[in-house]
Amino acid sequence: VSTACASFPNGLCWSADRRYLYVAESNLPGVSRVDPGDGSRVVALRFASGVPDGLCALPDGDVLISFYTPSLVLRWTPATG
């Protein structure tokens, strides 16, 4: 889909509406959103520290983000538009 997510891409999941691919980039650290139509990438969420590792889209549009370190799971509501 894209080679733009190059900061140790780890977790992947489709958005609930299947419009975007979310990529957990462990060395960013953060989550990027990729448009599979044109391969464009937007850094959707950036963390000051930590190692995001896994992603899971929920039916309501929220995304669960698991971290390798610290050991935690966050629930994120992506901005629309």
C-alpha atoms as a PDB file:
ATOM      1  CA  VAL A   1       0.000   0.000   0.000  1.00  0.00           C
ATOM      2  CA  SER A   2       2.781   2.436   0.923  1.00  0.00           C
ATOM      3  CA  THR A   3       6.449   2.591   1.844  1.00  0.00           C
ATOM      4  CA  ALA A   4       5.992   5.919   3.670  1.00  0.00           C
ATOM      5  CA  CYS A   5       5.624   4.353   7.134  1.00  0.00           C
ATOM      6  CA  ALA A   6       9.284   3.638   7.784  1.00  0.00           C
ATOM      7  CA  SER A   7       9.647   4.244  11.544  1.00  0.00           C
ATOM      8  CA  PHE A   8       9.467   0.573  12.530  1.00  0.00           C
ATOM      9  CA  PRO A   9       5.913  -0.217  11.391  1.00  0.00           C
ATOM     10  CA  ASN A  10       4.470  -2.738  13.794  1.00  0.00           C
ATOM     11  CA  GLY A  11       0.707  -2.959  14.234  1.00  0.00           C
ATOM     12  CA  LEU A  12      -1.803  -2.566  11.404  1.00  0.00           C
ATOM     13  CA  CYS A  13      -5.561  -2.262  11.240  1.00  0.00           C
ATOM     14  CA  TRP A  14      -8.170  -0.925   8.860  1.00  0.00           C
ATOM     15  CA  SER A  15     -10.348   1.928  10.049  1.00  0.00           C
ATOM     16  CA  ALA A  16     -13.878   0.808  10.944  1.00  0.00           C
ATOM     17  CA  ASP A  17     -15.176   2.240   7.636  1.00  0.00           C
ATOM     18  CA  ARG A  18     -12.305   0.557   5.690  1.00  0.00           C
ATOM     19  CA  ARG A  19     -11.213   3.899   4.195  1.00  0.00           C
ATOM     20  CA  TYR A  20      -7.772   4.013   5.832  1.00  0.00           C
ATOM     21  CA  LEU A  21      -5.048   1.731   7.071  1.00  0.00           C
ATOM     22  CA  TYR A  22      -3.698   2.695  10.501  1.00  0.00           C
ATOM     23  CA  VAL A  23      -0.061   1.832  11.177  1.00  0.00           C
ATOM     24  CA  ALA A  24       1.576   1.789  14.611  1.00  0.00           C
ATOM     25  CA  GLU A  25       5.113   3.073  14.099  1.00  0.00           C
ATOM     26  CA  SER A  26       7.111   2.079  17.146  1.00  0.00           C
ATOM     27  CA  ASN A  27      10.073   4.404  16.512  1.00  0.00           C
ATOM     28  CA  LEU A  28       7.963   7.464  15.657  1.00  0.00           C
ATOM     29  CA  PRO A  29       6.383   6.826  18.217  1.00  0.00           C
ATOM     30  CA  GLY A  30       2.840   7.174  16.986  1.00  0.00           C
ATOM     31  CA  VAL A  31       0.118   6.094  14.594  1.00  0.00           C
ATOM     32  CA  SER A  32      -0.008   6.976  10.908  1.00  0.00           C
ATOM     33  CA  ARG A  33      -3.032   6.897   8.637  1.00  0.00           C
ATOM     34  CA  VAL A  34      -2.500   5.675   5.083  1.00  0.00           C
ATOM     35  CA  ASP A  35      -4.939   6.184   2.216  1.00  0.00           C
ATOM     36  CA  PRO A  36      -4.732   2.937   0.209  1.00  0.00           C
ATOM     37  CA  GLY A  37      -5.989   4.731  -2.902  1.00  0.00           C
ATOM     38  CA  ASP A  38      -2.959   6.964  -3.345  1.00  0.00           C
ATOM     39  CA  GLY A  39      -0.558   5.715  -0.641  1.00  0.00           C
ATOM     40  CA  SER A  40      -0.473   9.088   1.111  1.00  0.00           C
ATOM     41  CA  ARG A  41       0.475   9.099   4.792  1.00  0.00           C
ATOM     42  CA  VAL A  42      -0.558  11.409   7.629  1.00  0.00           C
ATOM     43  CA  VAL A  43       0.832  11.151  11.146  1.00  0.00           C
ATOM     44  CA  ALA A  44      -2.486  10.912  12.965  1.00  0.00           C
ATOM     45  CA  LEU A  45      -1.198  10.570  16.514  1.00  0.00           C
ATOM     46  CA  ARG A  46       2.231  11.162  18.026  1.00  0.00           C
ATOM     47  CA  PHE A  47       3.397  10.189  21.511  1.00  0.00           C
ATOM     48  CA  ALA A  48       6.108  11.885  23.581  1.00  0.00           C
ATOM     49  CA  SER A  49       7.422   8.456  24.586  1.00  0.00           C
ATOM     50  CA  GLY A  50       6.523   4.781  24.593  1.00  0.00           C
ATOM     51  CA  VAL A  51       6.503   2.039  21.983  1.00  0.00           C
ATOM     52  CA  PRO A  52       3.130   1.583  20.263  1.00  0.00           C
ATOM     53  CA  ASP A  53       2.939  -1.990  19.087  1.00  0.00           C
ATOM     54  CA  GLY A  54      -0.554  -3.164  18.130  1.00  0.00           C
ATOM     55  CA  LEU A  55      -3.818  -1.743  16.827  1.00  0.00           C
ATOM     56  CA  CYS A  56      -7.441  -2.851  16.791  1.00  0.00           C
ATOM     57  CA  ALA A  57     -10.298  -0.885  15.196  1.00  0.00           C
ATOM     58  CA  LEU A  58     -13.592  -0.988  17.048  1.00  0.00           C
ATOM     59  CA  PRO A  59     -17.016  -0.872  15.338  1.00  0.00           C
ATOM     60  CA  ASP A  60     -17.687   2.634  16.713  1.00  0.00           C
ATOM     61  CA  GLY A  61     -14.582   3.998  14.941  1.00  0.00           C
ATOM     62  CA  ASP A  62     -12.303   4.136  17.982  1.00  0.00           C
ATOM     63  CA  VAL A  63      -8.931   2.384  17.872  1.00  0.00           C
ATOM     64  CA  LEU A  64      -7.232   0.421  20.643  1.00  0.00           C
ATOM     65  CA  ILE A  65      -3.474   0.970  20.779  1.00  0.00           C
ATOM     66  CA  SER A  66      -1.341  -1.476  22.724  1.00  0.00           C
ATOM     67  CA  PHE A  67       2.163  -0.563  23.851  1.00  0.00           C
ATOM     68  CA  TYR A  68       5.214  -2.765  24.248  1.00  0.00           C
ATOM     69  CA  THR A  69       6.439  -0.263  26.801  1.00  0.00           C
ATOM     70  CA  PRO A  70       4.899   0.925  29.003  1.00  0.00           C
ATOM     71  CA  SER A  71       2.560  -2.022  29.331  1.00  0.00           C
ATOM     72  CA  LEU A  72      -0.768  -0.376  28.579  1.00  0.00           C
ATOM     73  CA  VAL A  73      -3.657  -0.105  26.135  1.00  0.00           C
ATOM     74  CA  LEU A  74      -5.165   3.235  25.083  1.00  0.00           C
ATOM     75  CA  ARG A  75      -8.506   3.893  23.429  1.00  0.00           C
ATOM     76  CA  TRP A  76      -8.223   6.619  20.769  1.00  0.00           C
ATOM     77  CA  THR A  77     -10.985   8.417  18.890  1.00  0.00           C
ATOM     78  CA  PRO A  78      -9.508   9.501  15.530  1.00  0.00           C
ATOM     79  CA  ALA A  79     -10.480  12.919  14.204  1.00  0.00           C
ATOM     80  CA  THR A  80     -12.873  12.712  11.291  1.00  0.00           C
ATOM     81  CA  GLY A  81     -12.313  14.441   7.978  1.00  0.00           C
END
